[in-house]
Amino acid sequence: MSQLEKYIGWKLRIVIAVSLLIGSIIFFIKGYSFRSSGETFSQYWVLALLMLWGSVSQISPAINNYSNTEDNPT
């Protein structure tokens, strides 16, 4: 486990993942409202997808860090 992984605990990773997921939902809704008004492409959907990808990429390390702390409570 690297020094950065020790610093960023599983609780912080879960908070980051949830906030990115909420942001993704908000930007998807905003992008959908632009599409309903006649826009052909919305940068908000790209941002929503990137935030969703970031959220998913934070969940796996959080689960691994949580399982490591449960195995070795130091």
N, C-alpha and C. Protein backbone atom coordinates (compact mmCIF):
# COMPACT_ATOMS: atom_id res chain seq x y z
N MET A 1 0.85 -1.17 0.00
CA MET A 1 0.00 0.00 0.00
C MET A 1 0.89 1.24 0.00
N SER A 2 0.64 2.14 -0.93
CA SER A 2 1.47 3.33 -1.04
C SER A 2 1.08 4.36 0.04
N GLN A 3 1.90 5.38 0.15
CA GLN A 3 1.67 6.42 1.15
C GLN A 3 0.37 7.17 0.88
N LEU A 4 0.08 7.39 -0.40
CA LEU A 4 -1.15 8.10 -0.75
C LEU A 4 -2.39 7.29 -0.40
N GLU A 5 -2.33 5.97 -0.62
CA GLU A 5 -3.47 5.13 -0.27
C GLU A 5 -3.70 5.07 1.23
N LYS A 6 -2.63 5.18 2.01
CA LYS A 6 -2.79 5.23 3.46
C LYS A 6 -3.44 6.53 3.89
N TYR A 7 -3.10 7.63 3.21
CA TYR A 7 -3.64 8.94 3.56
C TYR A 7 -5.11 9.05 3.20
N ILE A 8 -5.46 8.56 2.01
CA ILE A 8 -6.85 8.63 1.58
C ILE A 8 -7.55 7.37 2.07
N GLY A 9 -8.30 7.49 3.11
CA GLY A 9 -8.98 6.35 3.70
C GLY A 9 -10.22 5.96 2.92
N TRP A 10 -10.80 4.86 3.33
CA TRP A 10 -11.96 4.35 2.61
C TRP A 10 -13.17 5.25 2.79
N LYS A 11 -13.27 5.93 3.93
CA LYS A 11 -14.40 6.82 4.15
C LYS A 11 -14.35 8.02 3.20
N LEU A 12 -13.16 8.56 3.01
CA LEU A 12 -13.01 9.69 2.09
C LEU A 12 -13.29 9.26 0.65
N ARG A 13 -12.87 8.07 0.30
CA ARG A 13 -13.14 7.57 -1.06
C ARG A 13 -14.64 7.39 -1.29
N ILE A 14 -15.35 6.93 -0.28
CA ILE A 14 -16.81 6.78 -0.41
C ILE A 14 -17.46 8.15 -0.56
N VAL A 15 -17.01 9.14 0.19
CA VAL A 15 -17.55 10.49 0.09
C VAL A 15 -17.30 11.05 -1.31
N ILE A 16 -16.09 10.84 -1.83
CA ILE A 16 -15.76 11.31 -3.18
C ILE A 16 -16.65 10.61 -4.20
N ALA A 17 -16.82 9.30 -4.06
CA ALA A 17 -17.63 8.54 -5.02
C ALA A 17 -19.09 9.00 -5.00
N VAL A 18 -19.63 9.20 -3.83
CA VAL A 18 -21.03 9.63 -3.73
C VAL A 18 -21.21 11.04 -4.29
N SER A 19 -20.28 11.94 -3.99
CA SER A 19 -20.40 13.30 -4.51
C SER A 19 -20.26 13.33 -6.03
N LEU A 20 -19.36 12.51 -6.59
CA LEU A 20 -19.25 12.44 -8.04
C LEU A 20 -20.51 11.83 -8.67
N LEU A 21 -21.10 10.86 -8.00
CA LEU A 21 -22.33 10.25 -8.51
C LEU A 21 -23.48 11.26 -8.51
N ILE A 22 -23.61 12.01 -7.44
CA ILE A 22 -24.67 13.03 -7.37
C ILE A 22 -24.44 14.10 -8.43
N GLY A 23 -23.19 14.53 -8.59
CA GLY A 23 -22.87 15.51 -9.63
C GLY A 23 -23.16 14.98 -11.01
N SER A 24 -22.89 13.70 -11.23
CA SER A 24 -23.17 13.09 -12.52
C SER A 24 -24.66 13.10 -12.82
N ILE A 25 -25.46 12.79 -11.83
CA ILE A 25 -26.92 12.80 -12.03
C ILE A 25 -27.41 14.21 -12.33
N ILE A 26 -26.89 15.19 -11.61
CA ILE A 26 -27.30 16.58 -11.82
C ILE A 26 -26.94 17.04 -13.22
N PHE A 27 -25.71 16.75 -13.67
CA PHE A 27 -25.29 17.20 -15.00
C PHE A 27 -25.99 16.42 -16.11
N PHE A 28 -26.36 15.17 -15.85
CA PHE A 28 -27.14 14.43 -16.85
C PHE A 28 -28.52 15.06 -17.03
N ILE A 29 -29.14 15.43 -15.93
CA ILE A 29 -30.46 16.08 -16.01
C ILE A 29 -30.35 17.42 -16.72
N LYS A 30 -29.31 18.18 -16.40
CA LYS A 30 -29.11 19.49 -17.05
C LYS A 30 -28.85 19.31 -18.54
N GLY A 31 -28.05 18.31 -18.91
CA GLY A 31 -27.81 18.03 -20.32
C GLY A 31 -29.06 17.59 -21.04
N TYR A 32 -29.90 16.81 -20.35
CA TYR A 32 -31.15 16.37 -20.95
C TYR A 32 -32.09 17.56 -21.20
N SER A 33 -32.08 18.52 -20.30
CA SER A 33 -32.92 19.70 -20.51
C SER A 33 -32.44 20.51 -21.70
N PHE A 34 -31.11 20.55 -21.94
CA PHE A 34 -30.60 21.23 -23.13
C PHE A 34 -31.00 20.48 -24.39
N ARG A 35 -30.98 19.16 -24.34
CA ARG A 35 -31.36 18.36 -25.51
C ARG A 35 -32.84 18.54 -25.81
N SER A 36 -33.65 18.68 -24.79
CA SER A 36 -35.08 18.90 -25.00
C SER A 36 -35.35 20.24 -25.66
N SER A 37 -34.45 21.20 -25.44
CA SER A 37 -34.66 22.52 -26.03
C SER A 37 -34.13 22.62 -27.46
N GLY A 38 -33.54 21.54 -27.98
CA GLY A 38 -33.14 21.54 -29.38
C GLY A 38 -31.64 21.52 -29.63
N GLU A 39 -30.82 21.54 -28.60
CA GLU A 39 -29.38 21.46 -28.78
C GLU A 39 -29.02 20.06 -29.29
N THR A 40 -28.04 19.96 -30.18
CA THR A 40 -27.68 18.66 -30.73
C THR A 40 -26.62 17.96 -29.90
N PHE A 41 -25.76 18.69 -29.24
CA PHE A 41 -24.70 18.08 -28.43
C PHE A 41 -24.55 18.89 -27.15
N SER A 42 -24.36 18.19 -26.07
CA SER A 42 -24.23 18.88 -24.80
C SER A 42 -22.96 18.42 -24.10
N GLN A 43 -22.14 19.37 -23.71
CA GLN A 43 -20.93 19.07 -22.96
C GLN A 43 -21.27 18.56 -21.57
N TYR A 44 -22.46 18.84 -21.12
CA TYR A 44 -22.87 18.38 -19.80
C TYR A 44 -22.95 16.86 -19.73
N TRP A 45 -23.33 16.22 -20.84
CA TRP A 45 -23.39 14.76 -20.85
C TRP A 45 -22.01 14.16 -20.77
N VAL A 46 -21.05 14.79 -21.44
CA VAL A 46 -19.66 14.31 -21.36
C VAL A 46 -19.14 14.47 -19.93
N LEU A 47 -19.44 15.59 -19.31
CA LEU A 47 -19.03 15.80 -17.93
C LEU A 47 -19.72 14.80 -17.00
N ALA A 48 -20.98 14.51 -17.25
CA ALA A 48 -21.70 13.54 -16.43
C ALA A 48 -21.07 12.15 -16.57
N LEU A 49 -20.70 11.77 -17.77
CA LEU A 49 -20.06 10.47 -17.97
C LEU A 49 -18.70 10.39 -17.30
N LEU A 50 -17.93 11.47 -17.38
CA LEU A 50 -16.62 11.50 -16.71
C LEU A 50 -16.77 11.42 -15.20
N MET A 51 -17.76 12.11 -14.67
CA MET A 51 -17.98 12.06 -13.23
C MET A 51 -18.48 10.68 -12.80
N LEU A 52 -19.29 10.04 -13.63
CA LEU A 52 -19.74 8.69 -13.32
C LEU A 52 -18.57 7.71 -13.34
N TRP A 53 -17.69 7.87 -14.31
CA TRP A 53 -16.48 7.02 -14.39
C TRP A 53 -15.60 7.24 -13.16
N GLY A 54 -15.43 8.48 -12.74
CA GLY A 54 -14.65 8.76 -11.53
C GLY A 54 -15.28 8.17 -10.29
N SER A 55 -16.59 8.21 -10.22
CA SER A 55 -17.29 7.62 -9.07
C SER A 55 -17.08 6.12 -9.01
N VAL A 56 -17.22 5.46 -10.14
CA VAL A 56 -17.05 4.01 -10.17
C VAL A 56 -15.60 3.63 -9.87
N SER A 57 -14.65 4.44 -10.32
CA SER A 57 -13.24 4.12 -10.08
C SER A 57 -12.83 4.34 -8.63
N GLN A 58 -13.62 5.05 -7.85
CA GLN A 58 -13.30 5.25 -6.43
C GLN A 58 -13.91 4.19 -5.54
N ILE A 59 -14.92 3.49 -6.02
CA ILE A 59 -15.61 2.52 -5.19
C ILE A 59 -14.75 1.28 -4.92
N SER A 60 -14.07 0.77 -5.95
CA SER A 60 -13.26 -0.44 -5.78
C SER A 60 -12.11 -0.24 -4.79
N PRO A 61 -11.31 0.84 -4.88
CA PRO A 61 -10.27 1.03 -3.86
C PRO A 61 -10.85 1.24 -2.46
N ALA A 62 -12.03 1.84 -2.37
CA ALA A 62 -12.64 2.04 -1.05
C ALA A 62 -13.00 0.71 -0.43
N ILE A 63 -13.54 -0.20 -1.23
CA ILE A 63 -13.89 -1.52 -0.71
C ILE A 63 -12.62 -2.28 -0.31
N ASN A 64 -11.58 -2.18 -1.13
CA ASN A 64 -10.31 -2.85 -0.79
C ASN A 64 -9.71 -2.28 0.49
N ASN A 65 -9.72 -0.95 0.64
CA ASN A 65 -9.18 -0.34 1.85
C ASN A 65 -10.00 -0.73 3.07
N TYR A 66 -11.32 -0.81 2.92
CA TYR A 66 -12.18 -1.20 4.03
C TYR A 66 -11.90 -2.63 4.46
N SER A 67 -11.75 -3.51 3.48
CA SER A 67 -11.48 -4.92 3.83
C SER A 67 -10.10 -5.08 4.45
N ASN A 68 -9.13 -4.27 4.02
CA ASN A 68 -7.80 -4.34 4.63
C ASN A 68 -7.80 -3.81 6.06
N THR A 69 -8.60 -2.80 6.34
CA THR A 69 -8.65 -2.27 7.71
C THR A 69 -9.40 -3.22 8.63
N GLU A 70 -10.36 -3.96 8.10
CA GLU A 70 -11.07 -4.93 8.93
C GLU A 70 -10.18 -6.13 9.25
N ASP A 71 -9.30 -6.52 8.31
CA ASP A 71 -8.41 -7.63 8.55
C ASP A 71 -7.29 -7.28 9.51
N ASN A 72 -6.76 -6.06 9.40
CA ASN A 72 -5.65 -5.61 10.23
C ASN A 72 -6.01 -4.33 10.95
N PRO A 73 -6.71 -4.38 12.04
CA PRO A 73 -7.09 -3.16 12.76
C PRO A 73 -5.91 -2.57 13.55
N THR A 74 -5.12 -1.74 12.87
CA THR A 74 -3.96 -1.14 13.53
C THR A 74 -4.15 0.33 13.74
